[in-house]
Protein backbone atom coordinates (compact mmCIF):
# COMPACT_ATOMS: atom_id res chain seq x y z
CA UNK A 1 115.39 68.03 140.36
CA UNK A 2 117.54 71.21 140.29
CA UNK A 3 115.94 74.45 141.42
CA UNK A 4 115.92 77.83 139.75
CA UNK A 5 114.55 81.32 140.09
CA UNK A 6 111.29 81.52 138.14
CA UNK A 7 109.27 84.57 137.16
CA UNK A 8 105.86 82.90 137.38
CA UNK A 9 103.93 85.88 136.06
CA UNK A 10 104.23 89.65 136.21
CA UNK A 11 104.92 90.63 139.81
CA UNK A 12 105.46 87.08 141.11
CA UNK A 13 108.81 85.32 141.36
CA UNK A 14 109.79 82.10 143.15
CA UNK A 15 112.59 79.64 143.95
CA UNK A 16 111.49 76.11 143.08
CA UNK A 17 112.28 72.97 141.12
CA UNK A 18 112.51 73.49 137.38
CA UNK A 19 110.19 71.85 134.90
CA UNK A 20 110.46 71.49 131.14
CA UNK A 21 107.81 74.18 130.79
CA UNK A 22 110.17 76.67 132.44
CA UNK A 23 112.99 75.96 129.96
CA UNK A 24 111.74 78.31 127.28
CA UNK A 25 113.54 78.60 123.93
CA UNK A 26 112.19 81.56 121.92
CA UNK A 27 111.87 81.69 118.18
CA UNK A 28 114.06 84.14 116.29
CA UNK A 29 111.09 86.47 115.77
CA UNK A 30 110.29 86.39 119.49
CA UNK A 31 113.90 87.31 120.21
CA UNK A 32 113.57 90.30 117.89
CA UNK A 33 110.19 91.34 119.26
CA UNK A 34 111.04 90.98 122.95
CA UNK A 35 114.82 91.48 123.09
CA UNK A 36 115.17 87.99 124.56
CA UNK A 37 118.31 86.26 123.40
CA UNK A 38 118.57 82.85 125.04
CA UNK A 39 121.68 80.67 124.62
CA UNK A 40 121.20 78.55 127.75
CA UNK A 41 119.19 75.43 128.49
CA UNK A 42 118.57 73.52 131.70
CA UNK A 43 117.93 69.90 130.75
CA UNK A 44 120.05 67.31 128.96
CA UNK A 45 123.81 66.85 128.68
CA UNK A 46 126.49 69.39 127.74
CA UNK A 47 127.67 69.13 124.16
CA UNK A 48 131.34 69.02 123.15
CA UNK A 49 131.64 72.83 123.14
CA UNK A 50 129.44 73.46 126.18
CA UNK A 51 129.74 73.48 129.94
CA UNK A 52 127.25 72.66 132.66
CA UNK A 53 127.28 74.97 135.66
CA UNK A 54 125.36 75.82 138.78
CA UNK A 55 124.84 79.44 139.66
CA UNK A 56 126.10 80.34 143.14
CA UNK A 57 125.26 84.05 143.13
CA UNK A 58 122.94 86.18 141.01
CA UNK A 59 122.55 89.95 140.75
CA UNK A 60 119.42 91.90 139.92
CA UNK A 61 119.63 94.15 136.87
CA UNK A 62 117.12 96.67 135.56
CA UNK A 63 116.37 94.18 132.78
CA UNK A 64 115.07 91.57 135.24
CA UNK A 65 113.17 94.27 137.14
CA UNK A 66 111.52 95.29 133.86
CA UNK A 67 110.54 91.68 133.10
CA UNK A 68 109.21 91.27 136.64
CA UNK A 69 107.15 94.47 136.44
CA UNK A 70 105.92 93.84 132.91
CA UNK A 71 107.64 96.93 131.50
CA UNK A 72 109.32 94.46 129.15
CA UNK A 73 107.07 91.62 128.10
CA UNK A 74 108.23 88.07 127.58
CA UNK A 75 106.80 85.64 125.02
CA UNK A 76 105.65 83.33 127.78
CA UNK A 77 105.71 82.99 131.54
CA UNK A 78 106.93 81.15 133.59
CA UNK A 79 110.52 81.90 132.65
CA UNK A 80 114.02 81.51 134.09
CA UNK A 81 115.64 84.97 134.13
CA UNK A 82 119.13 86.17 134.90
CA UNK A 83 122.16 87.41 133.00
CA UNK A 84 124.38 88.52 135.92
CA UNK A 85 125.80 85.61 137.93
CA UNK A 86 128.78 83.70 139.23
CA UNK A 87 128.80 80.00 138.33
CA UNK A 88 130.65 76.88 139.39
CA UNK A 89 131.53 74.47 136.59
CA UNK A 90 130.01 71.02 137.12
CA UNK A 91 130.84 69.32 133.78
CA UNK A 92 132.72 70.26 130.63
CA UNK A 93 132.36 69.15 127.02
CA UNK A 94 135.13 67.13 125.42
CA UNK A 95 136.53 70.11 123.47
CA UNK A 96 136.85 72.44 126.47
CA UNK A 97 140.36 73.22 127.71
CA UNK A 98 140.13 76.62 129.44
CA UNK A 99 137.74 75.47 132.19
CA UNK A 100 137.53 72.37 134.36
CA UNK A 101 135.12 70.90 136.88
CA UNK A 102 135.11 72.96 140.08
CA UNK A 103 136.25 76.23 138.50
CA UNK A 104 134.24 79.37 139.07
CA UNK A 105 133.34 81.41 136.04
CA UNK A 106 131.35 84.32 134.65
CA UNK A 107 129.45 83.73 131.42
CA UNK A 108 128.10 86.08 128.77
CA UNK A 109 124.87 84.10 128.52
CA UNK A 110 121.92 86.40 128.06
CA UNK A 111 119.00 85.13 130.20
CA UNK A 112 118.44 81.83 131.97
CA UNK A 113 121.39 81.97 134.37
CA UNK A 114 119.67 81.84 137.77
CA UNK A 115 119.51 78.07 138.17
CA UNK A 116 121.26 75.15 139.84
CA UNK A 117 121.77 73.59 136.40
CA UNK A 118 122.66 75.69 133.38
CA UNK A 119 124.12 74.47 130.08
CA UNK A 120 125.64 77.00 127.72
CA UNK A 121 128.43 77.70 125.23
CA UNK A 122 131.85 77.58 126.85
CA UNK A 123 133.55 80.05 124.51
CA UNK A 124 131.89 82.98 126.31
CA UNK A 125 132.49 81.63 129.82
CA UNK A 126 135.57 82.98 131.58
CA UNK A 127 137.39 81.68 134.64
CA UNK A 128 137.27 83.72 137.84
CA UNK A 129 139.98 83.72 140.53
CA UNK A 130 140.13 80.79 142.94
CA UNK A 131 140.50 83.09 145.96
CA UNK A 132 137.29 85.14 145.68
CA UNK A 133 136.29 86.47 149.10
CA UNK A 134 132.61 86.97 148.24
CA UNK A 135 130.90 85.90 145.02
CA UNK A 136 128.88 89.14 145.13
CA UNK A 137 132.07 91.10 144.46
CA UNK A 138 132.68 89.26 141.17
CA UNK A 139 129.56 89.98 139.15
CA UNK A 140 131.33 90.75 135.86
CA UNK A 141 128.62 91.53 133.30
CA UNK A 142 127.71 95.10 134.39
CA UNK A 143 131.33 96.23 134.47
CA UNK A 144 131.99 94.56 131.11
CA UNK A 145 129.32 96.80 129.61
CA UNK A 146 131.16 99.79 131.12
CA UNK A 147 134.42 98.63 129.52
CA UNK A 148 132.57 98.18 126.24
CA UNK A 149 131.19 101.72 126.50
CA UNK A 150 134.70 103.03 127.05
CA UNK A 151 135.70 101.79 123.60
CA UNK A 152 133.30 104.34 122.08
CA UNK A 153 134.31 107.31 124.23
CA UNK A 154 137.00 109.65 122.98
CA UNK A 155 138.06 111.02 126.36
CA UNK A 156 141.52 112.57 126.31
CA UNK A 157 143.94 113.74 129.02
CA UNK A 158 143.01 117.07 130.55
CA UNK A 159 139.37 117.02 129.48
CA UNK A 160 136.51 118.34 131.60
CA UNK A 161 134.00 115.51 132.03
CA UNK A 162 130.50 115.50 133.52
CA UNK A 163 128.75 112.25 134.42
CA UNK A 164 124.99 112.44 135.03
CA UNK A 165 123.31 109.76 137.14
CA UNK A 166 125.05 108.01 140.05
CA UNK A 167 122.97 104.86 140.20
CA UNK A 168 124.70 101.49 140.15
CA UNK A 169 125.87 101.70 136.53
CA UNK A 170 126.81 105.36 136.89
CA UNK A 171 128.95 104.48 139.90
CA UNK A 172 130.68 101.68 138.00
CA UNK A 173 131.33 104.19 135.23
CA UNK A 174 132.71 106.58 137.85
CA UNK A 175 135.10 103.91 139.10
CA UNK A 176 136.52 103.56 135.60
CA UNK A 177 136.48 107.17 134.39
CA UNK A 178 138.12 108.64 137.49
CA UNK A 179 141.28 106.73 136.52
CA UNK A 180 141.59 108.90 133.40
CA UNK A 181 143.91 111.96 133.70
CA UNK A 182 141.18 114.61 133.68
CA UNK A 183 141.26 118.27 134.65
CA UNK A 184 137.69 118.04 135.99
CA UNK A 185 135.42 115.10 136.72
CA UNK A 186 132.03 116.05 138.11
CA UNK A 187 129.18 113.63 138.89
CA UNK A 188 125.61 114.94 139.12
CA UNK A 189 122.65 113.26 140.79
CA UNK A 190 119.50 114.11 142.78
CA UNK A 191 120.02 111.84 145.82
CA UNK A 192 122.44 112.76 148.64
CA UNK A 193 123.39 109.10 149.17
CA UNK A 194 124.22 108.69 145.48
CA UNK A 195 126.31 111.87 145.45
CA UNK A 196 128.23 110.66 148.50
CA UNK A 197 128.84 107.31 146.80
CA UNK A 198 130.09 109.08 143.68
CA UNK A 199 132.77 110.77 145.79
CA UNK A 200 133.71 107.40 147.30
CA UNK A 201 134.01 105.96 143.80
CA UNK A 202 136.36 108.67 142.58
CA UNK A 203 134.40 111.73 141.45
CA UNK A 204 136.44 114.90 141.93
CA UNK A 205 133.21 116.72 142.72
CA UNK A 206 129.60 115.57 143.22
CA UNK A 207 126.61 117.86 142.76
CA UNK A 208 122.97 117.60 143.79
CA UNK A 209 121.39 119.23 140.77
CA UNK A 210 117.97 119.50 142.44
CA UNK A 211 119.30 121.80 145.19
CA UNK A 212 120.05 125.52 145.14
CA UNK A 213 123.71 124.79 145.86
CA UNK A 214 123.99 122.35 142.95
CA UNK A 215 122.15 124.64 140.55
CA UNK A 216 124.35 127.52 141.64
CA UNK A 217 127.51 125.52 141.02
CA UNK A 218 126.36 124.61 137.50
CA UNK A 219 125.48 128.25 136.88
CA UNK A 220 128.95 129.30 138.00
CA UNK A 221 130.51 126.82 135.58
CA UNK A 222 128.28 128.08 132.79
CA UNK A 223 126.43 126.34 130.00
CA UNK A 224 128.69 124.38 127.65
CA UNK A 225 131.42 124.00 130.29
CA UNK A 226 132.34 120.36 129.65
CA UNK A 227 134.23 118.69 126.82
CA UNK A 228 132.37 115.40 127.32
CA UNK A 229 129.19 114.41 129.13
CA UNK A 230 128.30 110.82 130.03
CA UNK A 231 124.54 110.40 130.46
CA UNK A 232 123.81 107.53 132.85
CA UNK A 233 120.53 108.65 134.39
CA UNK A 234 118.13 107.45 131.71
CA UNK A 235 115.90 110.49 132.36
CA UNK A 236 114.64 113.45 130.35
CA UNK A 237 116.18 115.86 132.86
CA UNK A 238 119.49 114.07 132.48
CA UNK A 239 119.39 114.44 128.69
CA UNK A 240 118.50 118.12 128.96
CA UNK A 241 121.38 118.74 131.34
CA UNK A 242 123.79 116.78 129.13
CA UNK A 243 123.08 118.89 126.04
CA UNK A 244 123.13 122.13 128.03
CA UNK A 245 126.47 121.45 129.74
CA UNK A 246 128.25 119.95 126.70
CA UNK A 247 130.44 122.53 124.98
CA UNK A 248 131.53 123.37 121.45
CA UNK A 249 132.44 120.27 119.42
CA UNK A 250 131.89 118.25 122.58
CA UNK A 251 130.47 114.75 122.92
CA UNK A 252 127.44 113.42 124.75
CA UNK A 253 127.82 109.71 125.48
CA UNK A 254 124.45 108.02 125.95
CA UNK A 255 124.78 105.09 128.33
CA UNK A 256 121.61 105.26 130.46
CA UNK A 257 118.69 103.09 129.39
CA UNK A 258 115.79 105.33 128.35
CA UNK A 259 112.62 103.26 128.42
CA UNK A 260 110.39 105.75 126.64
CA UNK A 261 110.55 108.42 123.94
CA UNK A 262 112.65 111.51 124.73
CA UNK A 263 113.20 114.96 123.26
CA UNK A 264 116.53 116.65 122.59
CA UNK A 265 117.49 120.27 121.94
CA UNK A 266 118.97 119.67 118.51
CA UNK A 267 119.08 123.40 117.85
CA UNK A 268 121.64 123.88 120.62
CA UNK A 269 123.39 120.65 119.67
CA UNK A 270 123.64 121.82 116.07
CA UNK A 271 124.99 125.26 116.97
CA UNK A 272 127.65 123.70 119.18
CA UNK A 273 128.47 120.84 116.82
CA UNK A 274 127.90 118.24 119.49
CA UNK A 275 128.37 114.54 118.80
CA UNK A 276 125.88 112.13 120.36
CA UNK A 277 127.07 108.54 120.73
CA UNK A 278 125.16 105.52 121.98
CA UNK A 279 127.43 103.39 124.19
CA UNK A 280 125.13 100.55 125.28
CA UNK A 281 126.31 96.93 124.87
CA UNK A 282 124.17 96.75 121.71
CA UNK A 283 126.73 98.95 119.96
CA UNK A 284 129.03 95.93 119.87
CA UNK A 285 126.51 93.56 118.25
CA UNK A 286 128.31 91.55 115.60
CA UNK A 287 131.70 92.34 117.12
CA UNK A 288 131.39 90.13 120.20
CA UNK A 289 130.78 92.41 123.18
CA UNK A 290 131.89 89.46 125.33
CA UNK A 291 135.45 90.01 124.08
CA UNK A 292 135.83 92.55 126.90
CA UNK A 293 135.10 90.09 129.70
CA UNK A 294 138.72 88.93 130.20
CA UNK A 295 139.81 92.58 130.27
CA UNK A 296 137.10 93.36 132.80
CA UNK A 297 138.12 90.47 135.05
CA UNK A 298 141.69 91.80 134.96
CA UNK A 299 140.41 95.24 135.98
CA UNK A 300 138.58 93.65 138.93
CA UNK A 301 141.85 92.02 139.96
CA UNK A 302 143.62 95.39 139.75
CA UNK A 303 140.96 97.05 141.91
CA UNK A 304 139.67 99.37 139.18
CA UNK A 305 136.16 98.01 139.72
CA UNK A 306 135.14 97.40 143.34
CA UNK A 307 131.72 95.83 143.72
CA UNK A 308 132.10 95.63 147.50
CA UNK A 309 131.29 99.36 147.63
CA UNK A 310 128.17 98.97 145.50
CA UNK A 311 126.37 95.80 146.62
CA UNK A 312 124.13 97.10 149.39
CA UNK A 313 121.47 94.38 149.71
CA UNK A 314 122.06 90.61 149.96
CA UNK A 315 119.47 87.82 150.12
CA UNK A 316 119.04 84.06 149.95
CA UNK A 317 117.39 82.50 146.91
CA UNK A 318 114.49 81.54 149.19
CA UNK A 319 113.85 85.26 149.69
CA UNK A 320 113.84 86.17 146.00
CA UNK A 321 110.38 87.77 146.15
CA UNK A 322 111.58 90.28 148.77
CA UNK A 323 114.83 90.74 146.86
CA UNK A 324 112.93 91.67 143.72
CA UNK A 325 110.37 93.80 145.56
CA UNK A 326 113.20 95.79 147.16
CA UNK A 327 114.93 96.09 143.79
CA UNK A 328 111.77 97.67 142.42
CA UNK A 329 111.18 99.95 145.42
CA UNK A 330 114.86 100.94 145.81
CA UNK A 331 114.67 102.08 149.45
CA UNK A 332 117.05 104.70 150.83
CA UNK A 333 120.63 103.46 150.62
CA UNK A 334 119.88 100.94 147.88
CA UNK A 335 122.37 100.55 145.03
CA UNK A 336 122.59 96.88 144.01
CA UNK A 337 121.02 93.64 145.20
CA UNK A 338 122.34 90.09 144.95
CA UNK A 339 121.19 86.70 146.15
CA UNK A 340 122.98 83.45 146.90
CA UNK A 341 121.76 80.12 145.51
């Protein structure tokens, strides 16, 4: 029987043989209530428009951490998580022409990917290069959400841009945005390691906003200094800084995932005529966010996105409990964790 990663209950995760009980298919109302869109299954045969794959590498996202911790509930545990992975194609349906047995692919299948047998729709599965050096460097989904966000950002040549929050997603955003012809591109964070990584990923300048030096630099620039601010921290302090540093008729692009209610200084935003734009993948609902996956794969091939700089922790599937525990604790030097199946 094929194995998979299973969240057994809140705080407990394992690598074991799958059972029918693990192959959960939510109702439409449960999808709405819990944000759990499942298009995969793990038993049976692939249909004419489906492929069967085995995951070879999975990456931990904040979504899986939230399910593991219970910050996001799930209709029922145990469950097979995972929406960031590299797969090898095992079988293809009779209508499939763009993939064949043995190919490696990335699939926009939300949930259920971390398994040795996965069946899902082939139209949102995209071939990866044959010469990949390390599967961990070809986790496409996070960068595809960055490319999607870019479609909603009106960043023009010569602009002054501030990016707040140099976690994993903020660093991916930095890798893309630094390719724009900007007059200033500043990344702000509170961790020295993250600020150093921001410089490595292309920031013109990186500030520690919780230090006297960083606060002094922002003061020298002055409130309202930037034409555009990209908020990737998902924190109240990040939102406050974004509104304060965004200038007249400027834009605040909201990319960070805020997991609780926040407050905003709408008085200042009103007086400056600021535009606030959500840029999460949900903005593309109904317009096929997965349409940007081929573009994203091409950007990986061109070196625009470089996961080798960002994957700091690697594990075996047998060590998934430690992998997830470390992903929750985020020890010094942690950016992104992956595991190999």
